[in-house]
Structures are given as structure tokens and as C-alpha cells.
N, C-alpha and C. Protein backbone atom coordinates (compact mmCIF):
# COMPACT_ATOMS: atom_id res chain seq x y z
N MET A 1 13.36 53.93 -22.32
CA MET A 1 12.54 52.90 -22.32
C MET A 1 13.70 52.02 -21.03
N VAL A 2 14.71 52.01 -21.35
CA VAL A 2 15.44 51.06 -20.29
C VAL A 2 15.73 51.63 -19.05
N ARG A 3 15.61 53.26 -18.75
CA ARG A 3 15.50 54.05 -17.98
C ARG A 3 14.10 54.01 -16.94
N ARG A 4 13.00 53.72 -17.46
CA ARG A 4 11.68 53.07 -17.06
C ARG A 4 11.84 51.48 -16.65
N PHE A 5 12.48 50.79 -17.37
CA PHE A 5 12.74 49.41 -16.84
C PHE A 5 13.28 49.27 -15.38
N GLY A 6 14.68 50.46 -15.50
CA GLY A 6 15.41 50.34 -13.99
C GLY A 6 14.79 51.11 -12.91
N TYR A 7 13.87 52.21 -12.94
CA TYR A 7 12.68 52.57 -11.97
C TYR A 7 11.84 51.16 -11.77
N PHE A 8 11.18 50.74 -12.68
CA PHE A 8 10.55 49.44 -12.26
C PHE A 8 10.83 48.51 -11.39
N LEU A 9 12.69 48.23 -11.93
CA LEU A 9 12.99 47.23 -11.07
C LEU A 9 13.48 47.64 -9.55
N LEU A 10 13.60 49.14 -9.48
CA LEU A 10 14.36 49.72 -8.14
C LEU A 10 12.71 49.98 -7.45
N ALA A 11 11.30 50.43 -7.98
CA ALA A 11 10.27 50.10 -7.24
C ALA A 11 9.90 48.68 -6.55
N LEU A 12 10.25 47.53 -7.58
CA LEU A 12 10.08 46.44 -7.30
C LEU A 12 10.79 45.87 -5.76
N ALA A 13 11.99 46.40 -6.02
CA ALA A 13 12.71 45.78 -4.97
C ALA A 13 12.73 46.68 -4.01
N LEU A 14 12.29 48.22 -3.56
CA LEU A 14 11.82 48.52 -2.77
C LEU A 14 10.70 48.23 -1.86
N ARG A 15 9.57 47.64 -2.71
CA ARG A 15 8.31 47.04 -2.31
C ARG A 15 8.80 45.72 -1.24
N GLY A 16 9.81 44.83 -2.14
CA GLY A 16 10.16 43.89 -1.04
C GLY A 16 10.91 43.78 -0.25
N LEU A 17 11.04 45.11 -0.07
CA LEU A 17 11.97 45.51 1.35
C LEU A 17 10.94 45.87 1.97
N PHE A 18 10.08 46.86 1.85
CA PHE A 18 9.04 46.90 2.78
C PHE A 18 8.00 46.30 3.33
N VAL A 19 7.63 45.10 2.45
CA VAL A 19 7.33 44.01 2.72
C VAL A 19 7.96 43.21 3.82
N GLN A 20 9.42 42.65 3.74
CA GLN A 20 9.78 41.85 4.36
C GLN A 20 10.17 42.88 6.03
N ILE A 21 10.32 43.97 5.73
CA ILE A 21 9.94 44.72 7.16
C ILE A 21 8.92 44.30 8.02
N ALA A 22 7.70 44.83 7.52
CA ALA A 22 6.47 44.64 7.77
C ALA A 22 5.99 43.37 8.24
N TRP A 23 6.67 42.29 7.91
CA TRP A 23 6.50 41.20 8.16
C TRP A 23 7.49 40.93 9.44
N ALA A 24 8.62 41.36 9.96
CA ALA A 24 9.42 41.38 10.69
C ALA A 24 8.52 41.86 11.98
N ASP A 25 7.73 42.89 11.75
CA ASP A 25 7.15 43.43 13.25
C ASP A 25 5.49 42.98 13.37
N GLU A 26 5.64 41.78 12.73
CA GLU A 26 4.77 40.78 13.26
C GLU A 26 4.75 39.66 14.49
N LEU A 27 4.28 39.91 15.60
CA LEU A 27 4.70 38.70 16.65
C LEU A 27 4.13 37.71 16.19
N PRO A 28 4.88 36.45 16.53
CA PRO A 28 4.38 34.71 16.39
C PRO A 28 3.37 34.73 17.16
N THR A 29 2.04 33.84 16.93
CA THR A 29 1.26 33.23 17.75
C THR A 29 1.92 32.81 19.11
N PRO A 30 1.32 33.09 20.43
CA PRO A 30 1.60 32.53 21.37
C PRO A 30 1.11 30.91 21.59
N LYS A 31 1.94 30.41 22.05
CA LYS A 31 1.18 28.67 22.29
C LYS A 31 1.40 28.63 23.63
N SER A 32 0.07 27.57 24.10
CA SER A 32 -0.11 27.62 25.41
C SER A 32 0.94 26.47 25.52
N LEU A 33 1.18 26.25 27.17
CA LEU A 33 2.02 25.50 27.82
C LEU A 33 0.98 24.30 28.53
N TRP A 34 -0.25 24.28 28.25
CA TRP A 34 -0.77 23.26 28.80
C TRP A 34 -2.51 23.29 28.15
N GLN A 35 -3.21 22.39 27.91
CA GLN A 35 -4.56 22.13 27.62
C GLN A 35 -4.99 21.45 28.79
N THR A 36 -6.73 22.08 28.63
CA THR A 36 -7.56 21.30 29.76
C THR A 36 -7.70 19.78 29.23
N VAL A 37 -7.93 18.75 30.06
CA VAL A 37 -8.54 17.69 29.76
C VAL A 37 -9.78 17.53 30.10
N THR A 38 -10.72 17.22 29.39
CA THR A 38 -11.97 17.12 29.68
C THR A 38 -11.98 15.51 30.23
N ALA A 39 -12.35 15.59 31.23
CA ALA A 39 -12.24 14.08 32.47
C ALA A 39 -13.23 13.40 31.96
N LEU A 40 -13.15 12.18 31.93
CA LEU A 40 -14.37 11.20 31.67
C LEU A 40 -14.89 10.79 33.15
N PRO A 41 -16.28 10.75 33.40
CA PRO A 41 -16.80 9.99 34.43
C PRO A 41 -15.79 8.70 34.72
N LEU A 42 -15.39 8.64 36.14
CA LEU A 42 -14.76 7.29 36.81
C LEU A 42 -16.04 6.32 37.05
N ILE A 43 -16.09 4.96 36.29
CA ILE A 43 -17.01 4.57 36.53
C ILE A 43 -16.46 3.17 37.47
N GLY A 44 -17.22 3.10 38.45
CA GLY A 44 -16.93 1.98 39.27
C GLY A 44 -15.76 2.35 40.73
N GLN A 45 -15.34 3.53 40.53
CA GLN A 45 -14.36 3.87 41.29
C GLN A 45 -14.79 5.22 42.33
N PRO A 46 -14.45 5.41 43.35
CA PRO A 46 -14.98 6.62 44.47
C PRO A 46 -14.47 7.84 44.32
N PRO A 47 -14.95 8.80 44.05
CA PRO A 47 -14.49 10.19 43.61
C PRO A 47 -13.03 10.44 44.92
N MET A 48 -11.97 10.96 44.49
CA MET A 48 -11.36 11.46 45.04
C MET A 48 -11.59 12.68 45.62
N PRO A 49 -11.32 12.33 47.17
CA PRO A 49 -11.93 13.22 48.56
C PRO A 49 -11.07 14.86 48.12
N ARG A 50 -12.04 15.86 48.57
CA ARG A 50 -11.74 17.42 47.62
C ARG A 50 -10.91 17.76 49.14
N LYS A 51 -9.90 18.43 48.92
CA LYS A 51 -9.13 19.10 49.75
C LYS A 51 -9.66 20.07 50.70
N PRO A 52 -10.12 20.43 51.72
CA PRO A 52 -10.66 21.83 52.07
C PRO A 52 -10.03 23.04 51.52
N TRP A 53 -9.03 23.41 51.56
CA TRP A 53 -8.60 24.76 51.14
C TRP A 53 -8.58 24.67 49.01
N VAL A 54 -9.14 23.89 48.26
CA VAL A 54 -9.37 23.81 46.81
C VAL A 54 -10.43 24.51 46.69
N LEU A 55 -10.61 25.53 46.03
CA LEU A 55 -11.67 26.15 45.36
C LEU A 55 -12.16 25.37 44.22
N ARG A 56 -11.11 25.36 43.38
CA ARG A 56 -11.30 24.86 42.09
C ARG A 56 -10.27 23.70 41.60
N GLU A 57 -10.50 22.93 40.59
CA GLU A 57 -9.64 21.83 40.11
C GLU A 57 -9.81 21.66 38.88
N ARG A 58 -8.89 21.28 38.24
CA ARG A 58 -8.96 20.86 36.83
C ARG A 58 -7.68 19.81 36.16
N GLU A 59 -7.66 19.15 35.67
CA GLU A 59 -6.89 18.33 34.84
C GLU A 59 -6.41 19.08 33.37
N ILE A 60 -5.01 18.87 33.51
CA ILE A 60 -4.07 19.67 32.43
C ILE A 60 -3.36 18.62 31.56
N LEU A 61 -3.10 18.89 30.54
CA LEU A 61 -1.82 18.30 29.90
C LEU A 61 -1.09 19.17 29.11
N LEU A 62 0.05 18.79 29.57
CA LEU A 62 1.20 19.67 29.04
C LEU A 62 1.57 19.42 27.56
N ASP A 63 1.92 20.38 26.86
CA ASP A 63 2.30 20.41 25.31
C ASP A 63 3.96 20.46 25.73
N LEU A 64 4.53 18.93 25.47
CA LEU A 64 5.74 18.61 26.13
C LEU A 64 6.89 19.18 25.09
N PRO A 65 6.87 19.19 23.44
CA PRO A 65 7.73 19.81 23.20
C PRO A 65 8.15 21.31 23.74
N LEU A 66 6.95 22.27 23.82
CA LEU A 66 7.03 23.31 24.37
C LEU A 66 7.80 23.45 25.77
N LEU A 67 7.47 22.41 26.37
CA LEU A 67 7.79 22.21 27.99
C LEU A 67 9.16 22.09 27.90
N HIS A 68 9.79 21.51 26.80
CA HIS A 68 11.32 20.71 26.57
C HIS A 68 12.18 22.48 26.35
N ILE A 69 11.55 23.18 25.91
CA ILE A 69 11.98 24.06 25.21
C ILE A 69 11.87 25.35 26.42
N LEU A 70 10.99 25.76 27.05
CA LEU A 70 11.08 26.34 28.71
C LEU A 70 12.29 25.79 29.19
N LYS A 71 12.49 24.67 29.55
CA LYS A 71 13.39 24.51 30.59
C LYS A 71 14.69 24.37 30.30
N ASP A 72 14.89 24.46 28.81
CA ASP A 72 16.26 24.68 28.64
C ASP A 72 16.70 26.03 28.57
N ALA A 73 17.62 26.18 29.50
CA ALA A 73 18.20 27.43 29.82
C ALA A 73 18.63 28.24 28.48
N GLY A 74 19.56 27.65 27.70
CA GLY A 74 20.26 28.08 26.55
C GLY A 74 19.30 28.31 25.53
N ALA A 75 18.07 27.67 25.53
CA ALA A 75 17.27 28.29 24.79
C ALA A 75 16.56 29.59 24.62
N ARG A 76 17.19 30.41 23.90
CA ARG A 76 16.77 31.91 24.22
C ARG A 76 16.93 32.55 22.76
N PRO A 77 16.00 33.47 22.38
CA PRO A 77 14.68 34.19 23.04
C PRO A 77 13.58 32.77 22.70
N LEU A 78 12.75 32.47 23.68
CA LEU A 78 11.82 31.82 23.92
C LEU A 78 10.77 32.11 22.71
N PRO A 79 9.91 31.12 22.37
CA PRO A 79 8.69 31.64 21.75
C PRO A 79 7.61 32.15 22.33
N ARG A 80 6.48 32.69 22.27
CA ARG A 80 5.55 33.28 23.17
C ARG A 80 4.89 32.20 23.76
N ILE A 81 4.72 32.34 25.27
CA ILE A 81 4.29 31.16 25.75
C ILE A 81 3.06 31.60 26.77
N THR A 82 1.88 31.21 26.71
CA THR A 82 0.61 31.26 27.44
C THR A 82 0.48 30.35 28.23
N ILE A 83 -0.61 30.66 29.36
CA ILE A 83 -0.89 29.68 30.04
C ILE A 83 -2.79 30.17 30.34
N GLU A 84 -3.73 29.11 30.48
CA GLU A 84 -5.00 29.53 30.98
C GLU A 84 -5.06 29.13 32.30
N LEU A 85 -5.67 29.94 32.99
CA LEU A 85 -6.38 30.04 34.51
C LEU A 85 -7.62 29.64 34.16
N PHE A 86 -8.16 29.48 35.16
CA PHE A 86 -9.77 29.36 35.37
C PHE A 86 -11.01 30.28 34.45
N ASP A 87 -10.82 31.41 35.14
CA ASP A 87 -11.36 32.72 34.65
C ASP A 87 -10.67 33.71 34.25
N LYS A 88 -9.45 33.49 33.80
CA LYS A 88 -8.26 34.59 33.34
C LYS A 88 -8.35 34.14 31.98
N PRO A 89 -8.33 35.24 31.43
CA PRO A 89 -7.72 35.20 29.55
C PRO A 89 -6.16 34.89 29.75
N ASN A 90 -5.99 34.10 28.59
CA ASN A 90 -4.73 33.31 28.62
C ASN A 90 -3.74 34.30 29.35
N LEU A 91 -2.82 34.08 29.65
CA LEU A 91 -1.40 35.09 30.28
C LEU A 91 -0.28 34.40 30.03
N GLU A 92 0.36 35.75 29.11
CA GLU A 92 1.53 35.49 28.66
C GLU A 92 2.97 35.56 29.68
N LEU A 93 3.64 34.43 29.88
CA LEU A 93 4.69 34.56 30.59
C LEU A 93 6.00 35.01 29.84
N ASP A 94 6.52 35.96 31.11
CA ASP A 94 7.66 36.51 30.90
C ASP A 94 8.98 35.94 31.63
N VAL A 95 9.54 34.97 31.25
CA VAL A 95 10.76 34.31 32.01
C VAL A 95 11.77 35.21 32.44
N THR A 96 12.21 35.24 33.83
CA THR A 96 12.92 36.15 34.27
C THR A 96 14.35 35.03 34.45
N SER A 97 14.33 33.67 34.65
CA SER A 97 15.40 32.73 35.48
C SER A 97 15.05 31.79 35.01
N THR A 98 16.00 30.75 34.43
CA THR A 98 16.12 29.25 34.22
C THR A 98 17.12 28.61 34.80
N VAL A 99 16.99 27.81 35.48
CA VAL A 99 18.39 27.33 36.06
C VAL A 99 17.99 25.38 35.53
N SER A 100 18.81 25.19 34.65
CA SER A 100 18.87 23.73 34.18
C SER A 100 19.95 22.99 35.13
N ARG A 101 19.25 21.87 35.50
CA ARG A 101 20.36 21.11 35.77
C ARG A 101 20.75 19.85 35.00
N ILE A 102 21.77 18.96 35.65
CA ILE A 102 22.53 17.67 34.47
C ILE A 102 21.31 16.70 35.12
N ASN A 103 20.40 16.42 35.70
CA ASN A 103 19.78 15.26 36.14
C ASN A 103 18.02 15.99 35.61
N ASP A 104 18.32 16.53 34.35
CA ASP A 104 16.84 16.71 33.60
C ASP A 104 15.90 17.89 34.56
N THR A 105 16.26 18.52 35.52
CA THR A 105 15.58 19.19 36.14
C THR A 105 15.72 20.52 35.90
N ALA A 106 14.77 21.27 36.26
CA ALA A 106 14.66 22.93 35.72
C ALA A 106 13.58 23.62 36.71
N VAL A 107 14.39 24.96 37.14
CA VAL A 107 13.74 25.71 37.83
C VAL A 107 13.23 27.06 37.32
N ILE A 108 12.05 27.27 36.73
CA ILE A 108 11.66 28.70 35.94
C ILE A 108 11.05 29.46 36.84
N ARG A 109 11.21 30.82 36.65
CA ARG A 109 10.36 31.84 37.23
C ARG A 109 10.67 32.94 36.80
N GLY A 110 9.48 33.75 36.73
CA GLY A 110 9.09 34.81 35.80
C GLY A 110 7.87 35.70 36.33
N THR A 111 7.52 36.15 35.35
CA THR A 111 6.35 37.23 35.88
C THR A 111 5.07 37.19 34.65
N PHE A 112 4.50 37.72 34.59
CA PHE A 112 3.44 37.89 33.39
C PHE A 112 3.39 38.87 32.83
N LYS A 113 3.70 38.76 31.44
CA LYS A 113 3.61 40.44 30.69
C LYS A 113 2.33 41.34 30.96
N PRO A 114 2.40 42.56 30.75
CA PRO A 114 1.42 43.32 31.17
C PRO A 114 0.19 42.98 29.98
N PRO A 115 -0.98 43.28 30.42
CA PRO A 115 -1.52 43.84 31.64
C PRO A 115 -1.61 43.34 32.72
N SER A 116 -1.56 41.88 32.76
CA SER A 116 -1.56 41.02 33.94
C SER A 116 -0.35 41.36 34.87
N ALA A 117 -0.58 40.93 36.18
CA ALA A 117 0.35 41.19 37.28
C ALA A 117 0.52 39.71 38.02
N GLY A 118 1.44 39.69 38.35
CA GLY A 118 1.55 38.28 38.94
C GLY A 118 3.14 37.56 38.90
N ASP A 119 3.24 36.75 39.42
CA ASP A 119 4.38 36.23 39.33
C ASP A 119 4.22 34.13 39.49
N PHE A 120 5.10 33.56 38.96
CA PHE A 120 5.20 32.08 38.90
C PHE A 120 6.68 31.43 39.14
N THR A 121 6.31 30.25 39.52
CA THR A 121 7.72 29.38 40.04
C THR A 121 7.39 28.09 39.79
N PHE A 122 8.01 27.54 38.28
CA PHE A 122 7.81 26.19 37.83
C PHE A 122 8.94 25.34 38.03
N VAL A 123 9.01 24.43 38.53
CA VAL A 123 9.78 22.91 38.56
C VAL A 123 9.50 22.18 37.62
N VAL A 124 10.40 21.72 36.71
CA VAL A 124 10.02 20.77 35.49
C VAL A 124 11.12 19.29 36.13
N ILE A 125 10.52 18.33 36.11
CA ILE A 125 11.16 17.28 36.09
C ILE A 125 11.37 16.12 35.22
N GLY A 126 11.81 16.23 34.30
CA GLY A 126 11.74 15.28 32.91
C GLY A 126 10.41 15.76 32.80
N ASN A 127 9.15 15.16 32.50
CA ASN A 127 8.17 15.74 31.62
C ASN A 127 6.99 16.12 32.45
N LEU A 128 7.05 16.33 33.84
CA LEU A 128 6.20 16.84 34.65
C LEU A 128 6.52 18.33 35.50
N LEU A 129 5.38 18.69 35.22
CA LEU A 129 5.90 20.22 35.74
C LEU A 129 4.90 20.58 37.21
N ILE A 130 5.49 20.74 38.18
CA ILE A 130 4.53 21.26 39.40
C ILE A 130 4.87 22.60 39.50
N GLY A 131 4.22 23.55 40.45
CA GLY A 131 4.55 25.04 40.50
C GLY A 131 3.68 25.68 41.13
N THR A 132 3.62 27.02 41.17
CA THR A 132 2.92 28.11 41.72
C THR A 132 2.90 29.46 41.23
N ILE A 133 1.69 29.91 41.12
CA ILE A 133 1.44 30.63 40.44
C ILE A 133 0.39 31.90 41.37
N GLN A 134 1.05 32.93 41.49
CA GLN A 134 0.64 34.20 42.27
C GLN A 134 0.00 35.43 41.44
N MET A 135 -1.47 35.69 41.68
CA MET A 135 -1.92 36.71 40.83
C MET A 135 -2.87 37.36 41.88
N GLY A 136 -2.06 38.40 42.33
CA GLY A 136 -2.74 39.39 43.36
C GLY A 136 -2.64 38.59 44.51
N ASP A 137 -4.23 38.24 45.27
CA ASP A 137 -4.44 37.46 45.95
C ASP A 137 -4.95 36.02 45.92
N ARG A 138 -4.79 35.74 44.28
CA ARG A 138 -5.04 34.55 44.38
C ARG A 138 -4.10 33.47 44.44
N LEU A 139 -4.12 31.93 44.39
CA LEU A 139 -2.94 31.33 44.29
C LEU A 139 -3.40 30.31 43.29
N TYR A 140 -2.34 29.96 42.57
CA TYR A 140 -2.94 28.54 41.76
C TYR A 140 -1.32 27.63 42.01
N LYS A 141 -1.68 26.45 42.07
CA LYS A 141 -0.81 25.38 42.14
C LYS A 141 -1.05 24.20 40.99
N ILE A 142 -0.03 23.92 40.49
CA ILE A 142 -0.04 22.53 39.74
C ILE A 142 0.49 21.47 40.18
N GLU A 143 -0.09 20.98 40.28
CA GLU A 143 0.29 19.27 41.03
C GLU A 143 0.31 18.26 40.19
N HIS A 144 1.07 17.22 40.86
CA HIS A 144 1.19 16.11 40.21
C HIS A 144 0.18 15.03 40.67
N THR A 145 -0.69 14.31 40.16
CA THR A 145 -1.87 13.37 40.95
C THR A 145 -1.20 12.10 40.75
N GLY A 146 -0.65 11.75 40.01
CA GLY A 146 0.10 10.15 40.12
C GLY A 146 0.11 9.67 38.32
N ASN A 147 1.29 8.70 38.00
CA ASN A 147 1.34 8.46 36.37
C ASN A 147 1.09 9.51 35.53
N GLY A 148 1.93 10.50 35.88
CA GLY A 148 2.26 11.17 34.74
C GLY A 148 1.04 12.46 34.87
N ARG A 149 -0.19 12.46 35.52
CA ARG A 149 -1.44 13.30 35.24
C ARG A 149 -1.14 14.52 36.09
N LEU A 150 -1.54 15.70 35.86
CA LEU A 150 -1.54 16.65 36.18
C LEU A 150 -2.70 17.35 36.57
N GLN A 151 -2.86 18.47 37.58
CA GLN A 151 -3.99 19.30 37.67
C GLN A 151 -3.59 20.62 38.34
N LEU A 152 -4.28 21.32 37.37
CA LEU A 152 -4.28 22.90 37.58
C LEU A 152 -5.25 23.05 39.33
N VAL A 153 -5.28 23.45 40.01
CA VAL A 153 -5.74 23.78 41.87
C VAL A 153 -5.71 25.28 41.80
N GLU A 154 -7.12 26.17 42.10
CA GLU A 154 -7.12 27.36 42.91
C GLU A 154 -7.19 27.11 44.23
N ALA A 155 -6.50 27.62 45.29
CA ALA A 155 -6.10 26.97 46.69
C ALA A 155 -6.75 28.86 47.23
N ASP A 156 -7.14 28.71 48.27
CA ASP A 156 -7.21 29.47 49.38
C ASP A 156 -6.57 29.38 50.19
N PRO A 157 -5.55 30.55 49.95
CA PRO A 157 -4.36 30.79 50.75
C PRO A 157 -4.33 30.91 52.73
N ASP A 158 -5.75 31.47 52.61
CA ASP A 158 -5.93 31.60 54.15
C ASP A 158 -6.13 30.05 55.07
N THR A 159 -6.66 29.25 54.10
CA THR A 159 -6.93 27.23 54.62
C THR A 159 -5.86 26.69 54.35
N MET A 160 -5.10 27.19 53.48
CA MET A 160 -3.94 25.90 52.99
C MET A 160 -2.83 26.10 53.91
N PRO A 161 -2.85 24.59 53.96
CA PRO A 161 -1.57 24.54 55.06
C PRO A 161 -0.16 24.80 54.45
N LEU A 162 0.93 25.12 55.34
CA LEU A 162 2.20 25.76 55.10
C LEU A 162 2.51 24.14 54.24
N ASP A 163 3.41 24.28 53.07
CA ASP A 163 3.97 22.87 52.56
C ASP A 163 5.45 22.89 53.36
């Protein structure tokens, strides 16, 4: 009887160990760095003129807690972070370099985890993010439009003026 109880306890302990190992292998759900803002129609205001090199644009809103983690060079390992472009599935960032400054700015560089191919450079100033994303022959920019508002732009690299 005591021996059976001992085997039962051993089996229970091993089961708990295997469950813990299985949970450790699961990857946490990625979080998106920004969300698309559904723009309300502007009443009584003329529309902003579109730049000739802009193919598509939309307003985005940053996940500020995630942005603060991303710009902190000491925050490693980073959570899984994705971004959403216009017609691409969410791309997962693979941060290769973060340089944080004492004046609340950071420069973040990296690539995208496979199967996506491309690279990005982001500059974070306080709660604002500007940057460039290169995906093959496609170029995307995150621009500050004023009053803390950001927009994601797909640009035509052949007609875009040099910065």
C-alpha cells in the first residue's frame, strides 16, 4: 500500500514536471507596436495635399508601454513585437541594435524574422517614433504629422526626394 502511494506521488511529480516543460516551450503572443486609426472625416477643413511620391498612407497610434520597452537598451529579452503594414501580414521585429540616449531618444535598428526579409531603422524621441522600413523594393516611412500624430506611408522610392 505504501509502495503504491509512493509510485502515485512519483507519477504526479513527473506529470507536473512535463507540464511545466511543455508550457516553457510556448512562445508568448506577439504585441503590435501600432494600431491603425480610423480617421474621422474632417468637417470644414480642406484635405491635406498629398505628396506625389506617396502611394498609400494611414494614421497610426503607438502602443506607448511597448514603445518604452523597445527604446530601453537594457530591456532584454524583448517581448515579441510586430508591426502591420498595408497589405503584408504582421511582421515580427528582430532588433539588432538599440542605442539609448540620456535625452530620452533612442535609435533602433533591425531586421524582420523569417520568412519576411527587410530591415528597419526607428528613431524614438519621447513618445514619438519616426523611421524607415525597407521590404525588397518597397519603402515605408513613419512620419510625424503634428500634435503627436503619426502616419505610416508607402513611398515610391523612384520619385521621392532625398532627405
